[in-house]
Amino acid sequence: MTPRSMRGFTLVELTIVLVIVALLTGGLMIAVGVQSEQRARSETQNLLLEAREALLGYAASHSALDGHPYLPCPDTNGDGLENRAANACTASEGLLPWSTLGVAPQDAWSNRIRYRVEGSFSRSDIGFTLATAPTLRVCQDAACTATLATTLPAVLVSHGPNGLGATNASGGANAAAATAEELENTDGDTSFVLRPPQAPGPGVFDDQVVWLSPNVLFNRMITAGRLP
């Protein structure tokens, strides 16, 4: 064996190897990060859908004083239970009453789910009927130039990976939303926004929104014998 064949890596060759390893490792980390993000969004979407089903179950099993069904109130003090003053909700918007509904208490990023309910659908003295008209809506942009759904009884919002505008699992308030679309999901009015998610970060939209259709709600109540 000649001395040339026994020599080790030169400094240049070693540098090239290290660069290749770094590139491969970086690509692997990005792929793992993307997969982790997709799993978290899928987990949260399933939670939102489960919560929507729980709202339907609550309405089917609760009768107002007039015998009609009604939806639960938001949790306004962070204990997971709905908050009701007399027969009306203490607030139309707050947190999902996860303990009342028996669902998971937080999304994949350890933040509470926002919950907005139409007042006329959540009274425990006068329940809703087929003639009750809700006013909540979900838009495609902050100006609501186009809508995805209107006349909704209830809306559920996860504030996504950046968690801006959310209440965290410890009960604290996260930093305020940074975009017009995310601000629309925290301003307490009857309009919400759902658009395709962007890359995670403080200056992008990454909320997830699920709504309760009045047609689905009415159908379930008719099937359960609660309406008309």
C-alpha atoms as a PDB file:
ATOM      1  CA  MET A   1       0.000   0.000   0.000  1.00  0.00           C
ATOM      2  CA  THR A   2       1.446   3.310  -1.053  1.00  0.00           C
ATOM      3  CA  PRO A   3       1.645   6.347   1.215  1.00  0.00           C
ATOM      4  CA  ARG A   4      -0.805   8.132  -1.125  1.00  0.00           C
ATOM      5  CA  SER A   5      -3.462   5.452  -0.693  1.00  0.00           C
ATOM      6  CA  MET A   6      -3.101   5.577   3.094  1.00  0.00           C
ATOM      7  CA  ARG A   7      -3.521   9.319   3.495  1.00  0.00           C
ATOM      8  CA  GLY A   8      -6.600  10.715   5.282  1.00  0.00           C
ATOM      9  CA  PHE A   9      -9.020  13.474   4.300  1.00  0.00           C
ATOM     10  CA  THR A  10      -7.579  16.816   3.357  1.00  0.00           C
ATOM     11  CA  LEU A  11      -9.004  19.937   4.989  1.00  0.00           C
ATOM     12  CA  VAL A  12     -10.910  20.779   1.801  1.00  0.00           C
ATOM     13  CA  GLU A  13     -12.415  17.301   1.559  1.00  0.00           C
ATOM     14  CA  LEU A  14     -13.424  17.359   5.215  1.00  0.00           C
ATOM     15  CA  THR A  15     -15.067  20.738   4.763  1.00  0.00           C
ATOM     16  CA  ILE A  16     -17.066  19.427   1.793  1.00  0.00           C
ATOM     17  CA  VAL A  17     -18.223  16.425   3.822  1.00  0.00           C
ATOM     18  CA  LEU A  18     -19.306  18.659   6.709  1.00  0.00           C
ATOM     19  CA  VAL A  19     -21.240  20.941   4.359  1.00  0.00           C
ATOM     20  CA  ILE A  20     -23.052  17.960   2.831  1.00  0.00           C
ATOM     21  CA  VAL A  21     -23.903  16.577   6.275  1.00  0.00           C
ATOM     22  CA  ALA A  22     -25.169  20.000   7.376  1.00  0.00           C
ATOM     23  CA  LEU A  23     -27.375  20.301   4.314  1.00  0.00           C
ATOM     24  CA  LEU A  24     -28.813  16.823   4.796  1.00  0.00           C
ATOM     25  CA  THR A  25     -29.416  17.452   8.498  1.00  0.00           C
ATOM     26  CA  GLY A  26     -31.042  20.804   7.818  1.00  0.00           C
ATOM     27  CA  GLY A  27     -33.340  19.292   5.215  1.00  0.00           C
ATOM     28  CA  LEU A  28     -34.297  16.516   7.595  1.00  0.00           C
ATOM     29  CA  MET A  29     -35.070  19.005  10.361  1.00  0.00           C
ATOM     30  CA  ILE A  30     -37.271  21.053   8.035  1.00  0.00           C
ATOM     31  CA  ALA A  31     -39.153  17.923   6.943  1.00  0.00           C
ATOM     32  CA  VAL A  32     -39.669  16.851  10.562  1.00  0.00           C
ATOM     33  CA  GLY A  33     -40.853  20.352  11.447  1.00  0.00           C
ATOM     34  CA  VAL A  34     -43.387  20.364   8.614  1.00  0.00           C
ATOM     35  CA  GLN A  35     -44.696  16.950   9.613  1.00  0.00           C
ATOM     36  CA  SER A  36     -44.976  18.052  13.243  1.00  0.00           C
ATOM     37  CA  GLU A  37     -46.899  21.160  12.200  1.00  0.00           C
ATOM     38  CA  GLN A  38     -49.266  19.112  10.043  1.00  0.00           C
ATOM     39  CA  ARG A  39     -49.917  16.694  12.919  1.00  0.00           C
ATOM     40  CA  ALA A  40     -50.650  19.583  15.278  1.00  0.00           C
ATOM     41  CA  ARG A  41     -53.082  21.189  12.840  1.00  0.00           C
ATOM     42  CA  SER A  42     -54.796  17.849  12.224  1.00  0.00           C
ATOM     43  CA  GLU A  43     -55.074  17.212  15.962  1.00  0.00           C
ATOM     44  CA  THR A  44     -56.576  20.647  16.511  1.00  0.00           C
ATOM     45  CA  GLN A  45     -59.005  20.277  13.612  1.00  0.00           C
ATOM     46  CA  ASN A  46     -60.239  17.011  15.113  1.00  0.00           C
ATOM     47  CA  LEU A  47     -60.667  18.753  18.472  1.00  0.00           C
ATOM     48  CA  LEU A  48     -62.728  21.516  16.861  1.00  0.00           C
ATOM     49  CA  LEU A  49     -64.940  18.983  15.093  1.00  0.00           C
ATOM     50  CA  GLU A  50     -65.345  17.016  18.321  1.00  0.00           C
ATOM     51  CA  ALA A  51     -66.326  20.206  20.124  1.00  0.00           C
ATOM     52  CA  ARG A  52     -68.914  20.958  17.446  1.00  0.00           C
ATOM     53  CA  GLU A  53     -70.407  17.502  17.923  1.00  0.00           C
ATOM     54  CA  ALA A  54     -70.471  18.118  21.674  1.00  0.00           C
ATOM     55  CA  LEU A  55     -72.437  21.331  21.098  1.00  0.00           C
ATOM     56  CA  LEU A  56     -75.014  19.337  19.155  1.00  0.00           C
ATOM     57  CA  GLY A  57     -75.160  16.760  21.928  1.00  0.00           C
ATOM     58  CA  TYR A  58     -75.632  19.450  24.546  1.00  0.00           C
ATOM     59  CA  ALA A  59     -78.526  21.003  22.616  1.00  0.00           C
ATOM     60  CA  ALA A  60     -80.155  17.610  22.174  1.00  0.00           C
ATOM     61  CA  SER A  61     -80.007  16.886  25.906  1.00  0.00           C
ATOM     62  CA  HIS A  62     -80.877  20.278  27.440  1.00  0.00           C
ATOM     63  CA  SER A  63     -84.335  21.788  27.516  1.00  0.00           C
ATOM     64  CA  ALA A  64     -85.119  25.427  28.218  1.00  0.00           C
ATOM     65  CA  LEU A  65     -88.061  26.359  30.424  1.00  0.00           C
ATOM     66  CA  ASP A  66     -90.278  26.451  27.343  1.00  0.00           C
ATOM     67  CA  GLY A  67     -89.190  22.944  26.371  1.00  0.00           C
ATOM     68  CA  HIS A  68     -87.043  23.949  23.418  1.00  0.00           C
ATOM     69  CA  PRO A  69     -83.319  23.113  23.105  1.00  0.00           C
ATOM     70  CA  TYR A  70     -80.485  25.571  23.701  1.00  0.00           C
ATOM     71  CA  LEU A  71     -76.701  25.767  23.323  1.00  0.00           C
ATOM     72  CA  PRO A  72     -74.177  26.189  26.158  1.00  0.00           C
ATOM     73  CA  CYS A  73     -72.720  29.532  27.182  1.00  0.00           C
ATOM     74  CA  PRO A  74     -69.018  30.397  26.870  1.00  0.00           C
ATOM     75  CA  ASP A  75     -66.620  29.921  29.771  1.00  0.00           C
ATOM     76  CA  THR A  76     -65.719  33.443  30.915  1.00  0.00           C
ATOM     77  CA  ASN A  77     -63.593  32.707  34.011  1.00  0.00           C
ATOM     78  CA  GLY A  78     -61.345  29.922  32.734  1.00  0.00           C
ATOM     79  CA  ASP A  79     -62.659  27.021  34.815  1.00  0.00           C
ATOM     80  CA  GLY A  80     -63.972  25.068  31.824  1.00  0.00           C
ATOM     81  CA  LEU A  81     -67.611  25.494  32.847  1.00  0.00           C
ATOM     82  CA  GLU A  82     -70.201  27.576  31.053  1.00  0.00           C
ATOM     83  CA  ASN A  83     -71.066  30.882  32.716  1.00  0.00           C
ATOM     84  CA  ARG A  84     -74.734  31.814  32.848  1.00  0.00           C
ATOM     85  CA  ALA A  85     -76.457  34.637  34.712  1.00  0.00           C
ATOM     86  CA  ALA A  86     -80.093  33.742  35.311  1.00  0.00           C
ATOM     87  CA  ASN A  87     -81.183  32.448  31.906  1.00  0.00           C
ATOM     88  CA  ALA A  88     -78.715  34.228  29.632  1.00  0.00           C
ATOM     89  CA  CYS A  89     -74.974  33.917  29.049  1.00  0.00           C
ATOM     90  CA  THR A  90     -72.771  36.322  30.974  1.00  0.00           C
ATOM     91  CA  ALA A  91     -71.057  36.971  27.624  1.00  0.00           C
ATOM     92  CA  SER A  92     -71.689  35.852  24.064  1.00  0.00           C
ATOM     93  CA  GLU A  93     -67.982  35.187  23.468  1.00  0.00           C
ATOM     94  CA  GLY A  94     -65.347  33.565  25.629  1.00  0.00           C
ATOM     95  CA  LEU A  95     -63.694  30.171  25.899  1.00  0.00           C
ATOM     96  CA  LEU A  96     -65.122  26.807  24.960  1.00  0.00           C
ATOM     97  CA  PRO A  97     -66.672  25.314  28.148  1.00  0.00           C
ATOM     98  CA  TRP A  98     -64.628  22.142  27.734  1.00  0.00           C
ATOM     99  CA  SER A  99     -65.479  20.677  31.132  1.00  0.00           C
ATOM    100  CA  THR A 100     -69.206  21.210  30.602  1.00  0.00           C
ATOM    101  CA  LEU A 101     -68.977  19.530  27.193  1.00  0.00           C
ATOM    102  CA  GLY A 102     -66.495  16.817  28.183  1.00  0.00           C
ATOM    103  CA  VAL A 103     -63.935  17.592  25.472  1.00  0.00           C
ATOM    104  CA  ALA A 104     -60.195  18.322  25.449  1.00  0.00           C
ATOM    105  CA  PRO A 105     -59.307  21.566  27.287  1.00  0.00           C
ATOM    106  CA  GLN A 106     -56.832  22.986  24.765  1.00  0.00           C
ATOM    107  CA  ASP A 107     -55.531  22.809  21.214  1.00  0.00           C
ATOM    108  CA  ALA A 108     -52.238  21.274  20.069  1.00  0.00           C
ATOM    109  CA  TRP A 109     -50.362  24.441  21.065  1.00  0.00           C
ATOM    110  CA  SER A 110     -51.705  24.473  24.652  1.00  0.00           C
ATOM    111  CA  ASN A 111     -54.161  27.307  24.087  1.00  0.00           C
ATOM    112  CA  ARG A 112     -57.875  27.400  24.844  1.00  0.00           C
ATOM    113  CA  ILE A 113     -60.477  27.334  22.083  1.00  0.00           C
ATOM    114  CA  ARG A 114     -62.453  30.549  21.530  1.00  0.00           C
ATOM    115  CA  TYR A 115     -66.232  30.082  21.444  1.00  0.00           C
ATOM    116  CA  ARG A 116     -68.907  32.500  20.240  1.00  0.00           C
ATOM    117  CA  VAL A 117     -72.607  31.684  20.464  1.00  0.00           C
ATOM    118  CA  GLU A 118     -75.670  33.557  19.265  1.00  0.00           C
ATOM    119  CA  GLY A 119     -77.591  34.881  22.275  1.00  0.00           C
ATOM    120  CA  SER A 120     -80.968  33.746  20.971  1.00  0.00           C
ATOM    121  CA  PHE A 121     -79.657  30.167  20.747  1.00  0.00           C
ATOM    122  CA  SER A 122     -78.241  29.974  24.270  1.00  0.00           C
ATOM    123  CA  ARG A 123     -81.031  31.157  26.580  1.00  0.00           C
ATOM    124  CA  SER A 124     -82.206  28.574  29.079  1.00  0.00           C
ATOM    125  CA  ASP A 125     -85.671  30.111  29.497  1.00  0.00           C
ATOM    126  CA  ILE A 126     -86.611  30.505  25.828  1.00  0.00           C
ATOM    127  CA  GLY A 127     -84.919  27.903  23.640  1.00  0.00           C
ATOM    128  CA  PHE A 128     -84.388  28.180  19.914  1.00  0.00           C
ATOM    129  CA  THR A 129     -86.881  27.091  17.263  1.00  0.00           C
ATOM    130  CA  LEU A 130     -86.760  26.631  13.511  1.00  0.00           C
ATOM    131  CA  ALA A 131     -87.633  30.324  13.212  1.00  0.00           C
ATOM    132  CA  THR A 132     -84.735  31.575  15.352  1.00  0.00           C
ATOM    133  CA  ALA A 133     -82.350  33.564  13.128  1.00  0.00           C
ATOM    134  CA  PRO A 134     -78.627  33.740  14.021  1.00  0.00           C
ATOM    135  CA  THR A 135     -76.294  36.487  12.775  1.00  0.00           C
ATOM    136  CA  LEU A 136     -72.745  35.110  13.058  1.00  0.00           C
ATOM    137  CA  ARG A 137     -70.716  34.744   9.851  1.00  0.00           C
ATOM    138  CA  VAL A 138     -67.332  33.495   8.623  1.00  0.00           C
ATOM    139  CA  CYS A 139     -65.577  35.529   5.929  1.00  0.00           C
ATOM    140  CA  GLN A 140     -62.595  35.019   3.656  1.00  0.00           C
ATOM    141  CA  ASP A 141     -60.957  38.322   4.618  1.00  0.00           C
ATOM    142  CA  ALA A 142     -61.100  40.980   7.308  1.00  0.00           C
ATOM    143  CA  ALA A 143     -63.298  43.283   5.216  1.00  0.00           C
ATOM    144  CA  CYS A 144     -65.714  40.391   4.603  1.00  0.00           C
ATOM    145  CA  THR A 145     -65.879  41.034   0.874  1.00  0.00           C
ATOM    146  CA  ALA A 146     -66.709  37.328   0.498  1.00  0.00           C
ATOM    147  CA  THR A 147     -68.334  34.957   2.974  1.00  0.00           C
ATOM    148  CA  LEU A 148     -67.875  31.251   3.591  1.00  0.00           C
ATOM    149  CA  ALA A 149     -70.936  30.878   5.819  1.00  0.00           C
ATOM    150  CA  THR A 150     -73.646  33.137   7.232  1.00  0.00           C
ATOM    151  CA  THR A 151     -76.488  32.962   9.789  1.00  0.00           C
ATOM    152  CA  LEU A 152     -74.452  30.751  12.122  1.00  0.00           C
ATOM    153  CA  PRO A 153     -75.508  29.861  15.701  1.00  0.00           C
ATOM    154  CA  ALA A 154     -71.939  29.266  16.953  1.00  0.00           C
ATOM    155  CA  VAL A 155     -68.284  29.593  15.907  1.00  0.00           C
ATOM    156  CA  LEU A 156     -65.146  27.910  17.302  1.00  0.00           C
ATOM    157  CA  VAL A 157     -61.629  29.300  16.842  1.00  0.00           C
ATOM    158  CA  SER A 158     -58.147  27.934  17.499  1.00  0.00           C
ATOM    159  CA  HIS A 159     -55.543  30.695  17.290  1.00  0.00           C
ATOM    160  CA  GLY A 160     -53.038  28.383  15.642  1.00  0.00           C
ATOM    161  CA  PRO A 161     -49.294  27.882  16.102  1.00  0.00           C
ATOM    162  CA  ASN A 162     -48.533  31.532  16.877  1.00  0.00           C
ATOM    163  CA  GLY A 163     -51.298  31.607  19.514  1.00  0.00           C
ATOM    164  CA  LEU A 164     -51.777  35.349  19.104  1.00  0.00           C
ATOM    165  CA  GLY A 165     -54.982  36.565  20.708  1.00  0.00           C
ATOM    166  CA  ALA A 166     -55.523  33.304  22.576  1.00  0.00           C
ATOM    167  CA  THR A 167     -55.855  32.446  26.245  1.00  0.00           C
ATOM    168  CA  ASN A 168     -53.209  29.897  27.169  1.00  0.00           C
ATOM    169  CA  ALA A 169     -53.755  26.755  29.242  1.00  0.00           C
ATOM    170  CA  SER A 170     -52.519  28.564  32.358  1.00  0.00           C
ATOM    171  CA  GLY A 171     -55.258  31.154  31.993  1.00  0.00           C
ATOM    172  CA  GLY A 172     -52.991  33.951  30.822  1.00  0.00           C
ATOM    173  CA  ALA A 173     -53.539  36.141  27.784  1.00  0.00           C
ATOM    174  CA  ASN A 174     -51.105  35.690  24.905  1.00  0.00           C
ATOM    175  CA  ALA A 175     -49.857  38.634  22.867  1.00  0.00           C
ATOM    176  CA  ALA A 176     -52.475  40.332  20.712  1.00  0.00           C
ATOM    177  CA  ALA A 177     -53.111  39.269  17.132  1.00  0.00           C
ATOM    178  CA  ALA A 178     -50.911  40.990  14.565  1.00  0.00           C
ATOM    179  CA  THR A 179     -52.888  40.793  11.306  1.00  0.00           C
ATOM    180  CA  ALA A 180     -56.265  42.214  10.326  1.00  0.00           C
ATOM    181  CA  GLU A 181     -57.603  38.708   9.728  1.00  0.00           C
ATOM    182  CA  GLU A 182     -56.525  37.383  13.134  1.00  0.00           C
ATOM    183  CA  LEU A 183     -57.738  40.569  14.838  1.00  0.00           C
ATOM    184  CA  GLU A 184     -61.156  39.901  13.321  1.00  0.00           C
ATOM    185  CA  ASN A 185     -61.226  36.616  15.238  1.00  0.00           C
ATOM    186  CA  THR A 186     -60.599  38.383  18.556  1.00  0.00           C
ATOM    187  CA  ASP A 187     -62.539  41.665  18.352  1.00  0.00           C
ATOM    188  CA  GLY A 188     -65.788  40.350  19.821  1.00  0.00           C
ATOM    189  CA  ASP A 189     -68.070  41.132  16.877  1.00  0.00           C
ATOM    190  CA  THR A 190     -70.196  38.743  14.826  1.00  0.00           C
ATOM    191  CA  SER A 191     -67.688  38.269  11.978  1.00  0.00           C
ATOM    192  CA  PHE A 192     -64.843  35.747  11.852  1.00  0.00           C
ATOM    193  CA  VAL A 193     -62.203  34.960   9.213  1.00  0.00           C
ATOM    194  CA  LEU A 194     -60.987  31.682   7.761  1.00  0.00           C
ATOM    195  CA  ARG A 195     -58.394  31.627   4.983  1.00  0.00           C
ATOM    196  CA  PRO A 196     -55.645  29.193   3.947  1.00  0.00           C
ATOM    197  CA  PRO A 197     -52.893  29.084   6.597  1.00  0.00           C
ATOM    198  CA  GLN A 198     -49.536  30.686   5.984  1.00  0.00           C
ATOM    199  CA  ALA A 199     -46.135  29.709   7.359  1.00  0.00           C
ATOM    200  CA  PRO A 200     -45.997  29.897  11.191  1.00  0.00           C
ATOM    201  CA  GLY A 201     -44.971  33.249  12.607  1.00  0.00           C
ATOM    202  CA  PRO A 202     -46.215  36.375  14.385  1.00  0.00           C
ATOM    203  CA  GLY A 203     -47.114  38.274  11.207  1.00  0.00           C
ATOM    204  CA  VAL A 204     -49.144  35.657   9.354  1.00  0.00           C
ATOM    205  CA  PHE A 205     -52.617  34.143   9.574  1.00  0.00           C
ATOM    206  CA  ASP A 206     -52.716  30.634  11.030  1.00  0.00           C
ATOM    207  CA  ASP A 207     -56.073  30.436  12.849  1.00  0.00           C
ATOM    208  CA  GLN A 208     -58.383  27.445  12.441  1.00  0.00           C
ATOM    209  CA  VAL A 209     -62.132  28.090  12.436  1.00  0.00           C
ATOM    210  CA  VAL A 210     -65.077  25.706  12.599  1.00  0.00           C
ATOM    211  CA  TRP A 211     -68.714  26.736  12.686  1.00  0.00           C
ATOM    212  CA  LEU A 212     -72.042  25.189  13.570  1.00  0.00           C
ATOM    213  CA  SER A 213     -74.436  25.275  10.632  1.00  0.00           C
ATOM    214  CA  PRO A 214     -78.048  26.096  11.520  1.00  0.00           C
ATOM    215  CA  ASN A 215     -79.211  23.470   9.028  1.00  0.00           C
ATOM    216  CA  VAL A 216     -77.151  20.762  10.736  1.00  0.00           C
ATOM    217  CA  LEU A 217     -78.320  21.937  14.162  1.00  0.00           C
ATOM    218  CA  PHE A 218     -81.988  21.985  13.161  1.00  0.00           C
ATOM    219  CA  ASN A 219     -81.705  18.604  11.461  1.00  0.00           C
ATOM    220  CA  ARG A 220     -80.150  17.018  14.546  1.00  0.00           C
ATOM    221  CA  MET A 221     -82.837  18.486  16.800  1.00  0.00           C
ATOM    222  CA  ILE A 222     -85.619  17.248  14.507  1.00  0.00           C
ATOM    223  CA  THR A 223     -84.037  13.798  14.395  1.00  0.00           C
ATOM    224  CA  ALA A 224     -83.781  13.792  18.206  1.00  0.00           C
ATOM    225  CA  GLY A 225     -87.446  14.813  18.496  1.00  0.00           C
ATOM    226  CA  ARG A 226     -86.567  18.181  20.038  1.00  0.00           C
ATOM    227  CA  LEU A 227     -87.951  20.305  17.166  1.00  0.00           C
ATOM    228  CA  PRO A 228     -90.216  21.569  15.776  1.00  0.00           C
END
